[in-house]
């Protein structure tokens, strides 16, 4: 299975910012295109006070800082030029992470979606929406939040598809700011199936694709969880993608590019389960030849070698 999409995390709130300009971003799109990436997904248009485009609404109502460059316009223009699909990631106010209140994210994005579609919807590459709130289990209010935001995005854009990327509440599902690498109270496959069956039933029709993050369970557990994810997605009419993480959750340093064999194991598990598409978090930091991490370029080379074996 080949990686054909990537998130773009320009806010970089828990990974180092690379301070790229237009020249470096265009070179990254060229590198992406060279390995078969056809879809780029802005993981969020803003997080708390830092935003990727000069949103009048967010600057006025959330005291966000005006960015020096309109990165949304830049990414859309590059996606236009290199004939890629672009998914817009919604704003994350941080209120949900602080309080557990998902209504705050609905309220903020009700205006963001309208503002962005009005200003940027003319781009030919604008192909979908990413509902950026990340959950792992049946979080209170999550079904209603995904349904409300998903339908708003679809209604304003004449039905453009919507995507979510939740995570499995496995052994490695620990917060990035903590020092631990694992926890004891991991979800079972049966519990995962029951909870996500209820969520998928509730969001069917509002969300078109689900890309579970693949780094929160051990490698030997992937086949069982992937089988359940695909079965549930098929049952409720969702596309089943995999978010193959290109960073390593097994290292005490958070986060570094992943060992290639670990990525290969995850891609092969997704292929065996019959997944529809593989995207990654995240090419620019963890796979790009111009990444701040030297080993990211080596991962790019190893992946290119692997990809050539698939294309024979």
C-alpha atoms as a PDB file:
ATOM      1  CA  UNK A   1       0.000   0.000   0.000  1.00  0.00           C
ATOM      2  CA  UNK A   2       1.366   3.390  -1.001  1.00  0.00           C
ATOM      3  CA  UNK A   3       1.119   6.702   0.814  1.00  0.00           C
ATOM      4  CA  UNK A   4      -0.946   9.031  -1.370  1.00  0.00           C
ATOM      5  CA  UNK A   5      -1.751  11.807   1.086  1.00  0.00           C
ATOM      6  CA  UNK A   6      -0.196  13.812   3.890  1.00  0.00           C
ATOM      7  CA  UNK A   7      -1.198  16.218   6.589  1.00  0.00           C
ATOM      8  CA  UNK A   8       0.484  19.619   6.703  1.00  0.00           C
ATOM      9  CA  UNK A   9       1.087  20.785  10.271  1.00  0.00           C
ATOM     10  CA  UNK A  10       2.228  24.363   9.913  1.00  0.00           C
ATOM     11  CA  UNK A  11       1.135  25.384  13.424  1.00  0.00           C
ATOM     12  CA  UNK A  12       3.641  22.833  14.802  1.00  0.00           C
ATOM     13  CA  UNK A  13       2.548  23.166  18.426  1.00  0.00           C
ATOM     14  CA  UNK A  14       4.239  19.918  19.575  1.00  0.00           C
ATOM     15  CA  UNK A  15       6.871  19.461  16.854  1.00  0.00           C
ATOM     16  CA  UNK A  16       9.556  21.998  15.859  1.00  0.00           C
ATOM     17  CA  UNK A  17       8.659  24.747  13.425  1.00  0.00           C
ATOM     18  CA  UNK A  18      10.874  24.733  10.320  1.00  0.00           C
ATOM     19  CA  UNK A  19      10.414  28.405   9.355  1.00  0.00           C
ATOM     20  CA  UNK A  20       9.940  27.663   5.674  1.00  0.00           C
ATOM     21  CA  UNK A  21       9.023  30.280   3.128  1.00  0.00           C
ATOM     22  CA  UNK A  22       7.381  29.956  -0.267  1.00  0.00           C
ATOM     23  CA  UNK A  23      10.511  28.481  -1.873  1.00  0.00           C
ATOM     24  CA  UNK A  24      10.846  25.676   0.680  1.00  0.00           C
ATOM     25  CA  UNK A  25       7.138  24.858   0.620  1.00  0.00           C
ATOM     26  CA  UNK A  26       7.109  24.593  -3.154  1.00  0.00           C
ATOM     27  CA  UNK A  27      10.112  22.265  -3.032  1.00  0.00           C
ATOM     28  CA  UNK A  28       8.231  20.101  -0.525  1.00  0.00           C
ATOM     29  CA  UNK A  29       5.244  19.829  -2.860  1.00  0.00           C
ATOM     30  CA  UNK A  30       7.674  18.683  -5.573  1.00  0.00           C
ATOM     31  CA  UNK A  31       9.074  16.028  -3.226  1.00  0.00           C
ATOM     32  CA  UNK A  32       5.541  14.948  -2.316  1.00  0.00           C
ATOM     33  CA  UNK A  33       4.527  14.651  -5.944  1.00  0.00           C
ATOM     34  CA  UNK A  34       7.601  12.508  -6.662  1.00  0.00           C
ATOM     35  CA  UNK A  35       6.440   9.760  -4.293  1.00  0.00           C
ATOM     36  CA  UNK A  36       2.837   9.695  -5.481  1.00  0.00           C
ATOM     37  CA  UNK A  37       1.132  12.024  -3.022  1.00  0.00           C
ATOM     38  CA  UNK A  38      -2.043  13.438  -4.542  1.00  0.00           C
ATOM     39  CA  UNK A  39      -3.778  14.804  -1.433  1.00  0.00           C
ATOM     40  CA  UNK A  40      -2.649  17.370   1.160  1.00  0.00           C
ATOM     41  CA  UNK A  41      -4.612  18.011   4.339  1.00  0.00           C
ATOM     42  CA  UNK A  42      -4.121  21.088   6.493  1.00  0.00           C
ATOM     43  CA  UNK A  43      -4.353  19.468   9.901  1.00  0.00           C
ATOM     44  CA  UNK A  44      -5.800  22.596  11.447  1.00  0.00           C
ATOM     45  CA  UNK A  45      -6.220  26.169  10.276  1.00  0.00           C
ATOM     46  CA  UNK A  46      -5.306  27.389  13.724  1.00  0.00           C
ATOM     47  CA  UNK A  47      -4.617  26.247  17.264  1.00  0.00           C
ATOM     48  CA  UNK A  48      -5.504  28.579  20.099  1.00  0.00           C
ATOM     49  CA  UNK A  49      -4.048  31.982  19.086  1.00  0.00           C
ATOM     50  CA  UNK A  50      -1.839  30.942  16.161  1.00  0.00           C
ATOM     51  CA  UNK A  51      -3.562  30.733  12.780  1.00  0.00           C
ATOM     52  CA  UNK A  52      -2.569  29.965   9.201  1.00  0.00           C
ATOM     53  CA  UNK A  53      -4.608  32.615   7.394  1.00  0.00           C
ATOM     54  CA  UNK A  54      -5.627  36.189   8.312  1.00  0.00           C
ATOM     55  CA  UNK A  55      -9.065  35.335   9.682  1.00  0.00           C
ATOM     56  CA  UNK A  56     -10.924  38.511  10.558  1.00  0.00           C
ATOM     57  CA  UNK A  57     -13.308  36.484  12.713  1.00  0.00           C
ATOM     58  CA  UNK A  58     -10.636  34.663  14.737  1.00  0.00           C
ATOM     59  CA  UNK A  59      -8.488  37.761  15.196  1.00  0.00           C
ATOM     60  CA  UNK A  60     -11.475  39.734  16.477  1.00  0.00           C
ATOM     61  CA  UNK A  61     -13.239  37.090  18.559  1.00  0.00           C
ATOM     62  CA  UNK A  62     -10.404  34.843  19.770  1.00  0.00           C
ATOM     63  CA  UNK A  63      -7.578  37.415  19.900  1.00  0.00           C
ATOM     64  CA  UNK A  64      -5.583  35.337  17.423  1.00  0.00           C
ATOM     65  CA  UNK A  65      -2.314  36.656  16.043  1.00  0.00           C
ATOM     66  CA  UNK A  66      -2.302  37.752  12.429  1.00  0.00           C
ATOM     67  CA  UNK A  67       0.149  35.549  10.488  1.00  0.00           C
ATOM     68  CA  UNK A  68       2.894  37.187   8.448  1.00  0.00           C
ATOM     69  CA  UNK A  69       1.992  35.012   5.427  1.00  0.00           C
ATOM     70  CA  UNK A  70      -1.370  33.676   4.261  1.00  0.00           C
ATOM     71  CA  UNK A  71      -0.360  30.027   4.313  1.00  0.00           C
ATOM     72  CA  UNK A  72      -3.796  28.818   3.313  1.00  0.00           C
ATOM     73  CA  UNK A  73      -3.565  30.769   0.066  1.00  0.00           C
ATOM     74  CA  UNK A  74      -0.008  29.482  -0.454  1.00  0.00           C
ATOM     75  CA  UNK A  75      -0.945  25.836   0.082  1.00  0.00           C
ATOM     76  CA  UNK A  76      -4.013  26.067  -2.126  1.00  0.00           C
ATOM     77  CA  UNK A  77      -2.025  27.754  -4.903  1.00  0.00           C
ATOM     78  CA  UNK A  78       0.663  25.049  -4.716  1.00  0.00           C
ATOM     79  CA  UNK A  79      -1.982  22.332  -4.720  1.00  0.00           C
ATOM     80  CA  UNK A  80      -3.525  23.984  -7.794  1.00  0.00           C
ATOM     81  CA  UNK A  81      -0.134  24.081  -9.521  1.00  0.00           C
ATOM     82  CA  UNK A  82       0.838  20.480  -8.745  1.00  0.00           C
ATOM     83  CA  UNK A  83      -2.670  19.099  -9.318  1.00  0.00           C
ATOM     84  CA  UNK A  84      -3.281  17.846  -5.793  1.00  0.00           C
ATOM     85  CA  UNK A  85      -6.453  17.697  -3.747  1.00  0.00           C
ATOM     86  CA  UNK A  86      -6.524  20.000  -0.725  1.00  0.00           C
ATOM     87  CA  UNK A  87      -8.544  19.358   2.431  1.00  0.00           C
ATOM     88  CA  UNK A  88      -9.082  22.298   4.770  1.00  0.00           C
ATOM     89  CA  UNK A  89      -8.628  21.541   8.486  1.00  0.00           C
ATOM     90  CA  UNK A  90     -10.963  23.339  10.855  1.00  0.00           C
ATOM     91  CA  UNK A  91      -9.904  25.645  13.696  1.00  0.00           C
ATOM     92  CA  UNK A  92      -9.015  24.177  17.098  1.00  0.00           C
ATOM     93  CA  UNK A  93      -9.677  26.686  19.871  1.00  0.00           C
ATOM     94  CA  UNK A  94      -8.084  24.488  22.547  1.00  0.00           C
ATOM     95  CA  UNK A  95     -11.211  24.826  24.686  1.00  0.00           C
ATOM     96  CA  UNK A  96     -12.149  21.179  24.152  1.00  0.00           C
ATOM     97  CA  UNK A  97      -8.734  20.031  25.379  1.00  0.00           C
ATOM     98  CA  UNK A  98      -9.080  22.228  28.467  1.00  0.00           C
ATOM     99  CA  UNK A  99     -12.714  21.574  29.357  1.00  0.00           C
ATOM    100  CA  UNK A 100     -14.023  18.610  27.332  1.00  0.00           C
ATOM    101  CA  UNK A 101     -16.648  20.949  25.830  1.00  0.00           C
ATOM    102  CA  UNK A 102     -17.050  20.220  22.128  1.00  0.00           C
ATOM    103  CA  UNK A 103     -19.760  22.868  21.708  1.00  0.00           C
ATOM    104  CA  UNK A 104     -17.016  25.500  21.763  1.00  0.00           C
ATOM    105  CA  UNK A 105     -15.453  23.976  18.625  1.00  0.00           C
ATOM    106  CA  UNK A 106     -18.837  23.944  16.870  1.00  0.00           C
ATOM    107  CA  UNK A 107     -19.414  27.596  17.733  1.00  0.00           C
ATOM    108  CA  UNK A 108     -16.007  28.754  16.478  1.00  0.00           C
ATOM    109  CA  UNK A 109     -16.055  26.792  13.250  1.00  0.00           C
ATOM    110  CA  UNK A 110     -19.576  27.821  12.300  1.00  0.00           C
ATOM    111  CA  UNK A 111     -18.021  31.131  11.224  1.00  0.00           C
ATOM    112  CA  UNK A 112     -14.639  29.810  10.089  1.00  0.00           C
ATOM    113  CA  UNK A 113     -16.212  27.456   7.539  1.00  0.00           C
ATOM    114  CA  UNK A 114     -18.283  30.275   6.024  1.00  0.00           C
ATOM    115  CA  UNK A 115     -15.336  32.674   5.974  1.00  0.00           C
ATOM    116  CA  UNK A 116     -12.946  30.204   4.351  1.00  0.00           C
ATOM    117  CA  UNK A 117     -15.342  28.963   1.697  1.00  0.00           C
ATOM    118  CA  UNK A 118     -16.251  32.526   0.715  1.00  0.00           C
ATOM    119  CA  UNK A 119     -12.610  33.616   0.391  1.00  0.00           C
ATOM    120  CA  UNK A 120     -10.844  30.454  -0.809  1.00  0.00           C
ATOM    121  CA  UNK A 121     -13.509  28.163  -2.236  1.00  0.00           C
ATOM    122  CA  UNK A 122     -12.725  29.220  -5.808  1.00  0.00           C
ATOM    123  CA  UNK A 123      -9.468  27.231  -5.856  1.00  0.00           C
ATOM    124  CA  UNK A 124      -9.765  24.165  -8.074  1.00  0.00           C
ATOM    125  CA  UNK A 125      -7.746  22.123  -5.568  1.00  0.00           C
ATOM    126  CA  UNK A 126     -10.183  22.787  -2.694  1.00  0.00           C
ATOM    127  CA  UNK A 127     -11.537  19.265  -2.541  1.00  0.00           C
ATOM    128  CA  UNK A 128     -12.722  18.578   0.998  1.00  0.00           C
ATOM    129  CA  UNK A 129     -12.781  19.298   4.697  1.00  0.00           C
ATOM    130  CA  UNK A 130     -10.933  17.854   7.677  1.00  0.00           C
ATOM    131  CA  UNK A 131     -12.846  17.996  10.955  1.00  0.00           C
ATOM    132  CA  UNK A 132      -9.776  18.368  13.119  1.00  0.00           C
ATOM    133  CA  UNK A 133     -11.098  17.414  16.566  1.00  0.00           C
ATOM    134  CA  UNK A 134      -9.310  14.210  17.593  1.00  0.00           C
ATOM    135  CA  UNK A 135     -11.058  11.653  19.790  1.00  0.00           C
ATOM    136  CA  UNK A 136     -10.325   8.033  20.658  1.00  0.00           C
ATOM    137  CA  UNK A 137     -13.543   6.845  22.273  1.00  0.00           C
ATOM    138  CA  UNK A 138     -17.193   7.713  22.631  1.00  0.00           C
ATOM    139  CA  UNK A 139     -16.485  11.199  23.981  1.00  0.00           C
ATOM    140  CA  UNK A 140     -19.483  13.127  25.268  1.00  0.00           C
ATOM    141  CA  UNK A 141     -20.935  15.216  22.458  1.00  0.00           C
ATOM    142  CA  UNK A 142     -18.587  13.859  19.777  1.00  0.00           C
ATOM    143  CA  UNK A 143     -21.292  12.397  17.547  1.00  0.00           C
ATOM    144  CA  UNK A 144     -23.266  15.630  17.510  1.00  0.00           C
ATOM    145  CA  UNK A 145     -20.133  17.723  16.967  1.00  0.00           C
ATOM    146  CA  UNK A 146     -18.915  15.664  14.006  1.00  0.00           C
ATOM    147  CA  UNK A 147     -22.398  15.542  12.527  1.00  0.00           C
ATOM    148  CA  UNK A 148     -22.995  19.290  12.896  1.00  0.00           C
ATOM    149  CA  UNK A 149     -19.610  20.354  11.544  1.00  0.00           C
ATOM    150  CA  UNK A 150     -19.567  17.733   8.801  1.00  0.00           C
ATOM    151  CA  UNK A 151     -22.980  18.727   7.484  1.00  0.00           C
ATOM    152  CA  UNK A 152     -22.134  22.427   7.589  1.00  0.00           C
ATOM    153  CA  UNK A 153     -19.009  21.816   5.529  1.00  0.00           C
ATOM    154  CA  UNK A 154     -20.881  19.680   3.023  1.00  0.00           C
ATOM    155  CA  UNK A 155     -23.868  22.014   2.756  1.00  0.00           C
ATOM    156  CA  UNK A 156     -21.823  25.142   2.012  1.00  0.00           C
ATOM    157  CA  UNK A 157     -19.573  23.429  -0.563  1.00  0.00           C
ATOM    158  CA  UNK A 158     -22.118  21.440  -2.553  1.00  0.00           C
ATOM    159  CA  UNK A 159     -21.220  18.164  -0.895  1.00  0.00           C
ATOM    160  CA  UNK A 160     -17.418  18.156  -0.825  1.00  0.00           C
ATOM    161  CA  UNK A 161     -16.216  15.167   1.249  1.00  0.00           C
ATOM    162  CA  UNK A 162     -15.326  15.316   4.929  1.00  0.00           C
ATOM    163  CA  UNK A 163     -12.591  13.470   6.825  1.00  0.00           C
ATOM    164  CA  UNK A 164     -11.814  12.686  10.470  1.00  0.00           C
ATOM    165  CA  UNK A 165      -8.653  11.125  11.931  1.00  0.00           C
ATOM    166  CA  UNK A 166      -9.327   9.669  15.392  1.00  0.00           C
ATOM    167  CA  UNK A 167      -6.955   7.490  17.364  1.00  0.00           C
ATOM    168  CA  UNK A 168      -7.297   4.067  18.939  1.00  0.00           C
ATOM    169  CA  UNK A 169      -7.161   4.215  22.746  1.00  0.00           C
ATOM    170  CA  UNK A 170      -4.353   1.664  22.835  1.00  0.00           C
ATOM    171  CA  UNK A 171      -1.343   1.084  25.034  1.00  0.00           C
ATOM    172  CA  UNK A 172       0.641   3.938  23.437  1.00  0.00           C
ATOM    173  CA  UNK A 173      -2.186   6.504  23.601  1.00  0.00           C
ATOM    174  CA  UNK A 174      -0.442   8.882  26.017  1.00  0.00           C
ATOM    175  CA  UNK A 175      -0.375  12.658  25.836  1.00  0.00           C
ATOM    176  CA  UNK A 176       2.573  14.153  23.972  1.00  0.00           C
ATOM    177  CA  UNK A 177       3.542  16.408  26.884  1.00  0.00           C
ATOM    178  CA  UNK A 178       3.976  13.486  29.312  1.00  0.00           C
ATOM    179  CA  UNK A 179       7.206  11.531  29.731  1.00  0.00           C
ATOM    180  CA  UNK A 180       5.661   8.055  29.557  1.00  0.00           C
ATOM    181  CA  UNK A 181       5.481   5.915  26.422  1.00  0.00           C
ATOM    182  CA  UNK A 182       2.639   3.569  27.416  1.00  0.00           C
ATOM    183  CA  UNK A 183      -0.259   3.056  29.796  1.00  0.00           C
ATOM    184  CA  UNK A 184      -1.959   0.053  31.358  1.00  0.00           C
ATOM    185  CA  UNK A 185      -5.639   0.757  30.642  1.00  0.00           C
ATOM    186  CA  UNK A 186      -5.730   0.118  26.889  1.00  0.00           C
ATOM    187  CA  UNK A 187      -9.004  -0.518  25.076  1.00  0.00           C
ATOM    188  CA  UNK A 188      -9.843  -4.025  23.881  1.00  0.00           C
ATOM    189  CA  UNK A 189     -10.744  -4.811  20.285  1.00  0.00           C
ATOM    190  CA  UNK A 190     -14.305  -5.652  21.386  1.00  0.00           C
ATOM    191  CA  UNK A 191     -14.735  -2.347  23.243  1.00  0.00           C
ATOM    192  CA  UNK A 192     -13.302  -0.463  20.266  1.00  0.00           C
ATOM    193  CA  UNK A 193     -15.769  -2.142  17.913  1.00  0.00           C
ATOM    194  CA  UNK A 194     -18.766  -1.406  20.145  1.00  0.00           C
ATOM    195  CA  UNK A 195     -17.929   2.250  20.708  1.00  0.00           C
ATOM    196  CA  UNK A 196     -16.955   3.067  17.149  1.00  0.00           C
ATOM    197  CA  UNK A 197     -19.943   1.204  15.759  1.00  0.00           C
ATOM    198  CA  UNK A 198     -22.145   3.645  17.668  1.00  0.00           C
ATOM    199  CA  UNK A 199     -20.093   6.655  16.553  1.00  0.00           C
ATOM    200  CA  UNK A 200     -20.062   5.624  12.885  1.00  0.00           C
ATOM    201  CA  UNK A 201     -23.810   5.071  12.925  1.00  0.00           C
ATOM    202  CA  UNK A 202     -24.288   8.577  14.324  1.00  0.00           C
ATOM    203  CA  UNK A 203     -22.018  10.382  11.853  1.00  0.00           C
ATOM    204  CA  UNK A 204     -22.915   8.443   8.712  1.00  0.00           C
ATOM    205  CA  UNK A 205     -23.891  10.892   5.999  1.00  0.00           C
ATOM    206  CA  UNK A 206     -22.008  13.789   7.602  1.00  0.00           C
ATOM    207  CA  UNK A 207     -18.518  12.261   7.508  1.00  0.00           C
ATOM    208  CA  UNK A 208     -17.257  10.524   4.376  1.00  0.00           C
ATOM    209  CA  UNK A 209     -13.868   9.097   5.372  1.00  0.00           C
ATOM    210  CA  UNK A 210     -12.157   8.003   8.566  1.00  0.00           C
ATOM    211  CA  UNK A 211      -8.368   7.708   8.867  1.00  0.00           C
ATOM    212  CA  UNK A 212      -7.470   6.141  12.198  1.00  0.00           C
ATOM    213  CA  UNK A 213      -4.012   7.052  13.480  1.00  0.00           C
ATOM    214  CA  UNK A 214      -1.996   3.840  13.537  1.00  0.00           C
ATOM    215  CA  UNK A 215       0.626   4.528  16.195  1.00  0.00           C
ATOM    216  CA  UNK A 216      -1.234   3.928  19.438  1.00  0.00           C
ATOM    217  CA  UNK A 217      -1.279   0.115  19.475  1.00  0.00           C
ATOM    218  CA  UNK A 218       1.521  -2.439  19.197  1.00  0.00           C
ATOM    219  CA  UNK A 219       2.434  -3.710  15.744  1.00  0.00           C
ATOM    220  CA  UNK A 220       1.114  -7.215  16.420  1.00  0.00           C
ATOM    221  CA  UNK A 221      -2.286  -5.715  17.381  1.00  0.00           C
ATOM    222  CA  UNK A 222      -2.758  -3.815  14.126  1.00  0.00           C
ATOM    223  CA  UNK A 223      -4.429  -6.613  12.086  1.00  0.00           C
ATOM    224  CA  UNK A 224      -7.254  -7.102  14.607  1.00  0.00           C
ATOM    225  CA  UNK A 225      -7.987  -3.367  14.998  1.00  0.00           C
ATOM    226  CA  UNK A 226      -7.649  -2.717  11.265  1.00  0.00           C
ATOM    227  CA  UNK A 227     -10.094  -5.511  10.461  1.00  0.00           C
ATOM    228  CA  UNK A 228     -12.670  -3.988  12.804  1.00  0.00           C
ATOM    229  CA  UNK A 229     -12.153  -0.486  11.398  1.00  0.00           C
ATOM    230  CA  UNK A 230     -12.693  -1.653   7.824  1.00  0.00           C
ATOM    231  CA  UNK A 231     -15.731  -3.748   8.732  1.00  0.00           C
ATOM    232  CA  UNK A 232     -17.391  -0.836  10.529  1.00  0.00           C
ATOM    233  CA  UNK A 233     -16.538   1.674   7.794  1.00  0.00           C
ATOM    234  CA  UNK A 234     -18.027  -0.601   5.146  1.00  0.00           C
ATOM    235  CA  UNK A 235     -21.157  -1.178   7.238  1.00  0.00           C
ATOM    236  CA  UNK A 236     -21.870   2.528   7.634  1.00  0.00           C
ATOM    237  CA  UNK A 237     -20.727   3.703   4.205  1.00  0.00           C
ATOM    238  CA  UNK A 238     -17.459   5.445   5.103  1.00  0.00           C
ATOM    239  CA  UNK A 239     -14.155   5.330   3.242  1.00  0.00           C
ATOM    240  CA  UNK A 240     -11.557   3.591   5.419  1.00  0.00           C
ATOM    241  CA  UNK A 241      -8.154   5.290   5.228  1.00  0.00           C
ATOM    242  CA  UNK A 242      -5.107   4.768   7.397  1.00  0.00           C
ATOM    243  CA  UNK A 243      -3.103   7.583   8.946  1.00  0.00           C
ATOM    244  CA  UNK A 244       0.299   5.909   8.886  1.00  0.00           C
ATOM    245  CA  UNK A 245       2.362   7.899  11.323  1.00  0.00           C
ATOM    246  CA  UNK A 246       5.840   8.633   9.993  1.00  0.00           C
ATOM    247  CA  UNK A 247       7.136   9.491  13.456  1.00  0.00           C
ATOM    248  CA  UNK A 248       8.104   7.061  16.199  1.00  0.00           C
ATOM    249  CA  UNK A 249       6.052   6.691  19.385  1.00  0.00           C
ATOM    250  CA  UNK A 250       8.465   4.106  20.843  1.00  0.00           C
ATOM    251  CA  UNK A 251      11.299   6.570  21.485  1.00  0.00           C
ATOM    252  CA  UNK A 252      11.792   8.638  24.668  1.00  0.00           C
ATOM    253  CA  UNK A 253      12.365  11.720  22.478  1.00  0.00           C
ATOM    254  CA  UNK A 254       9.074  13.054  21.103  1.00  0.00           C
ATOM    255  CA  UNK A 255       9.046  12.969  18.138  1.00  0.00           C
ATOM    256  CA  UNK A 256      11.592  11.650  15.618  1.00  0.00           C
ATOM    257  CA  UNK A 257      11.203  10.061  12.162  1.00  0.00           C
ATOM    258  CA  UNK A 258      10.168   6.414  12.349  1.00  0.00           C
ATOM    259  CA  UNK A 259      12.303   3.403  11.494  1.00  0.00           C
ATOM    260  CA  UNK A 260      11.356   2.339   7.967  1.00  0.00           C
ATOM    261  CA  UNK A 261      10.555  -1.280   8.904  1.00  0.00           C
ATOM    262  CA  UNK A 262       7.970  -0.054  11.404  1.00  0.00           C
ATOM    263  CA  UNK A 263       6.308   2.020   8.703  1.00  0.00           C
ATOM    264  CA  UNK A 264       6.382  -0.967   6.343  1.00  0.00           C
ATOM    265  CA  UNK A 265       4.674  -3.189   8.928  1.00  0.00           C
ATOM    266  CA  UNK A 266       1.897  -0.638   9.329  1.00  0.00           C
ATOM    267  CA  UNK A 267       1.394  -0.163   5.587  1.00  0.00           C
ATOM    268  CA  UNK A 268       1.268  -3.923   5.033  1.00  0.00           C
ATOM    269  CA  UNK A 269      -1.320  -4.341   7.797  1.00  0.00           C
ATOM    270  CA  UNK A 270      -3.504  -1.681   6.173  1.00  0.00           C
ATOM    271  CA  UNK A 271      -3.136  -3.330   2.782  1.00  0.00           C
ATOM    272  CA  UNK A 272      -4.089  -6.724   4.223  1.00  0.00           C
ATOM    273  CA  UNK A 273      -7.236  -5.198   5.753  1.00  0.00           C
ATOM    274  CA  UNK A 274      -8.260  -3.732   2.379  1.00  0.00           C
ATOM    275  CA  UNK A 275      -8.011  -0.074   3.342  1.00  0.00           C
ATOM    276  CA  UNK A 276      -8.940   2.483   0.691  1.00  0.00           C
ATOM    277  CA  UNK A 277      -6.124   5.030   1.055  1.00  0.00           C
ATOM    278  CA  UNK A 278      -2.982   5.719   3.099  1.00  0.00           C
ATOM    279  CA  UNK A 279      -2.120   9.202   4.318  1.00  0.00           C
ATOM    280  CA  UNK A 280       0.640  10.177   6.728  1.00  0.00           C
ATOM    281  CA  UNK A 281       1.318  12.486   9.608  1.00  0.00           C
ATOM    282  CA  UNK A 282       3.420  14.027   8.465  1.00  0.00           C
ATOM    283  CA  UNK A 283       5.577  14.311   5.369  1.00  0.00           C
ATOM    284  CA  UNK A 284       7.259  17.692   5.844  1.00  0.00           C
ATOM    285  CA  UNK A 285       8.805  16.976   9.240  1.00  0.00           C
ATOM    286  CA  UNK A 286       9.330  13.218   9.133  1.00  0.00           C
ATOM    287  CA  UNK A 287       9.812  12.206   5.485  1.00  0.00           C
ATOM    288  CA  UNK A 288      10.975  15.237   3.546  1.00  0.00           C
ATOM    289  CA  UNK A 289      14.561  15.412   2.216  1.00  0.00           C
ATOM    290  CA  UNK A 290      14.646  19.047   3.398  1.00  0.00           C
ATOM    291  CA  UNK A 291      13.308  18.344   6.892  1.00  0.00           C
ATOM    292  CA  UNK A 292      15.156  19.665   9.931  1.00  0.00           C
ATOM    293  CA  UNK A 293      15.664  15.983  10.789  1.00  0.00           C
ATOM    294  CA  UNK A 294      18.449  14.438   8.699  1.00  0.00           C
ATOM    295  CA  UNK A 295      16.969  10.957   9.063  1.00  0.00           C
ATOM    296  CA  UNK A 296      13.702  12.112   7.441  1.00  0.00           C
ATOM    297  CA  UNK A 297      15.484  12.262   4.084  1.00  0.00           C
ATOM    298  CA  UNK A 298      16.800   8.748   4.641  1.00  0.00           C
ATOM    299  CA  UNK A 299      13.238   7.575   5.352  1.00  0.00           C
ATOM    300  CA  UNK A 300      12.192   9.210   2.063  1.00  0.00           C
ATOM    301  CA  UNK A 301      14.882   7.226   0.241  1.00  0.00           C
ATOM    302  CA  UNK A 302      13.964   3.931   1.910  1.00  0.00           C
ATOM    303  CA  UNK A 303      10.291   4.508   1.138  1.00  0.00           C
ATOM    304  CA  UNK A 304      11.106   5.304  -2.507  1.00  0.00           C
ATOM    305  CA  UNK A 305      12.995   2.003  -2.762  1.00  0.00           C
ATOM    306  CA  UNK A 306      10.045   0.162  -1.212  1.00  0.00           C
ATOM    307  CA  UNK A 307       7.595   1.913  -3.526  1.00  0.00           C
ATOM    308  CA  UNK A 308       9.554   0.793  -6.581  1.00  0.00           C
ATOM    309  CA  UNK A 309       9.143  -2.842  -5.489  1.00  0.00           C
ATOM    310  CA  UNK A 310       5.367  -2.306  -5.315  1.00  0.00           C
ATOM    311  CA  UNK A 311       5.267  -0.793  -8.785  1.00  0.00           C
ATOM    312  CA  UNK A 312       7.072  -3.696 -10.489  1.00  0.00           C
END
